[in-house]
Protein backbone atom coordinates (compact mmCIF):
# COMPACT_ATOMS: atom_id res chain seq x y z
CA MET A 1 6.96 10.82 0.59
CA THR A 2 7.28 8.88 3.82
CA LEU A 3 4.85 6.21 4.94
CA THR A 4 4.06 8.41 7.94
CA GLU A 5 2.88 11.14 5.56
CA ILE A 6 0.75 8.62 3.66
CA ARG A 7 -0.78 7.39 6.90
CA ASP A 8 -1.62 10.93 7.94
CA LEU A 9 -3.01 12.04 4.55
CA LEU A 10 -5.31 9.02 4.28
CA GLN A 11 -6.11 8.93 7.99
CA ALA A 12 -5.13 5.28 7.75
CA GLU A 13 -4.71 2.70 10.46
CA VAL A 14 -1.35 0.91 10.46
CA LEU A 15 -1.99 -2.81 10.79
CA CYS A 16 1.62 -3.99 10.78
CA GLY A 17 5.06 -2.59 10.17
CA GLU A 18 4.73 0.56 12.24
CA GLU A 19 8.48 0.44 12.86
CA HIS A 20 9.01 1.08 9.12
CA LEU A 21 6.95 4.27 8.76
CA ASP A 22 10.09 6.30 8.07
CA ARG A 23 10.51 4.54 4.72
CA VAL A 24 10.27 6.70 1.62
CA VAL A 25 8.18 5.76 -1.39
CA LYS A 26 8.70 7.33 -4.79
CA SER A 27 5.54 6.28 -6.56
CA ALA A 28 2.14 4.65 -6.20
CA CYS A 29 -0.01 2.16 -8.02
CA ALA A 30 -3.73 1.67 -7.52
CA SER A 31 -5.36 -1.49 -8.78
CA ASP A 32 -7.40 -4.49 -7.76
CA PHE A 33 -5.76 -6.52 -10.55
CA MET A 34 -2.37 -7.87 -9.55
CA SER A 35 -1.49 -8.49 -13.21
CA ASP A 36 -1.69 -4.72 -13.79
CA VAL A 37 0.49 -4.13 -10.74
CA LEU A 38 3.10 -6.55 -12.08
CA ALA A 39 3.10 -4.79 -15.44
CA TYR A 40 3.43 -1.20 -14.27
CA VAL A 41 4.97 -0.89 -10.82
CA LYS A 42 8.51 0.14 -10.02
CA ASP A 43 10.48 -0.42 -6.81
CA GLU A 44 9.90 1.65 -3.69
CA ALA A 45 6.20 2.10 -4.36
CA VAL A 46 3.01 1.94 -2.38
CA LEU A 47 0.14 -0.25 -3.58
CA ILE A 48 -3.40 1.04 -3.12
CA THR A 49 -5.98 -1.73 -3.46
CA GLY A 50 -9.27 -3.11 -2.31
CA MET A 51 -8.20 -6.67 -3.05
CA VAL A 52 -7.74 -8.64 0.14
CA ASN A 53 -5.97 -11.95 -0.43
CA PRO A 54 -2.44 -13.34 0.11
CA GLN A 55 -1.57 -12.82 -3.57
CA VAL A 56 -1.46 -9.07 -2.89
CA ILE A 57 1.35 -9.58 -0.36
CA ARG A 58 3.24 -11.90 -2.70
CA THR A 59 2.94 -9.42 -5.57
CA ALA A 60 4.21 -6.57 -3.38
CA GLU A 61 7.13 -8.70 -2.26
CA MET A 62 8.15 -9.54 -5.84
CA LEU A 63 8.24 -5.83 -6.69
CA ASP A 64 10.00 -4.65 -3.51
CA MET A 65 7.00 -2.52 -2.59
CA GLN A 66 7.21 -0.80 0.76
CA CYS A 67 3.56 -0.60 1.72
CA ILE A 68 0.05 -1.73 0.85
CA VAL A 69 -2.93 0.49 1.64
CA PHE A 70 -6.30 -1.24 1.65
CA VAL A 71 -9.10 1.15 0.72
CA ARG A 72 -12.88 1.12 1.16
CA GLY A 73 -12.54 -0.20 4.72
CA LYS A 74 -11.14 -3.55 3.57
CA ARG A 75 -9.08 -5.40 6.16
CA PRO A 76 -6.66 -8.30 5.65
CA ASP A 77 -7.02 -11.46 7.69
CA GLY A 78 -4.50 -12.93 10.10
CA GLU A 79 -2.77 -14.98 7.40
CA MET A 80 -2.10 -11.85 5.35
CA LEU A 81 -0.87 -9.93 8.38
CA ALA A 82 1.56 -12.73 9.26
CA LEU A 83 2.83 -12.90 5.67
CA ALA A 84 3.34 -9.12 5.55
CA ARG A 85 5.21 -9.15 8.87
CA GLU A 86 7.54 -11.89 7.56
CA ARG A 87 8.19 -9.84 4.41
CA GLU A 88 8.50 -6.54 6.33
CA ILE A 89 5.77 -4.93 4.25
CA VAL A 90 3.76 -2.19 5.94
CA LEU A 91 -0.01 -2.70 5.81
CA MET A 92 -2.51 0.10 6.30
CA CYS A 93 -6.24 0.39 5.86
CA CYS A 94 -8.45 3.42 5.36
CA ASP A 95 -12.11 4.12 4.71
CA VAL A 96 -11.70 6.31 1.62
CA ARG A 97 -12.35 5.04 -1.88
CA MET A 98 -9.44 4.31 -4.20
CA PHE A 99 -10.11 7.41 -6.29
CA MET A 100 -9.89 9.71 -3.28
CA ALA A 101 -6.78 7.98 -1.92
CA CYS A 102 -5.01 8.44 -5.25
CA GLY A 103 -6.11 12.05 -5.50
CA LEU A 104 -4.89 12.91 -2.02
CA LEU A 105 -1.51 11.32 -2.57
CA PHE A 106 -1.09 12.84 -6.03
CA THR A 107 -1.95 16.36 -4.91
CA HIS A 108 0.64 16.05 -2.16
CA GLY A 109 3.44 15.05 -4.54
CA LEU A 110 3.33 11.29 -5.05
CA THR A 111 3.42 10.23 -8.70
CA GLU A 112 3.16 7.07 -10.78
CA GLU A 113 6.74 7.20 -12.07
């Protein structure tokens, strides 16, 4: 699934990395606990979270994640945006809850593998 498709399904706003929306992700992980993300995520994934702090960007970078989607209307601050731009990680935000975001992506073919 491309990041463009994810943006459209979640009606998300792209905060940075719009030039990378053609990237393909193979899986997703949804968590507010970065320790869980570190334990279960594979490369080329999208992270769905409501956690808004720089550690989220650093975790995504360590796992070669392509994109972070902030749910529940959460928005990263300028420091996080700058860090994501440096790391070429796409950031999006949407108003849906985590459960709905996961459901939408799963029913359209994205898995946890």
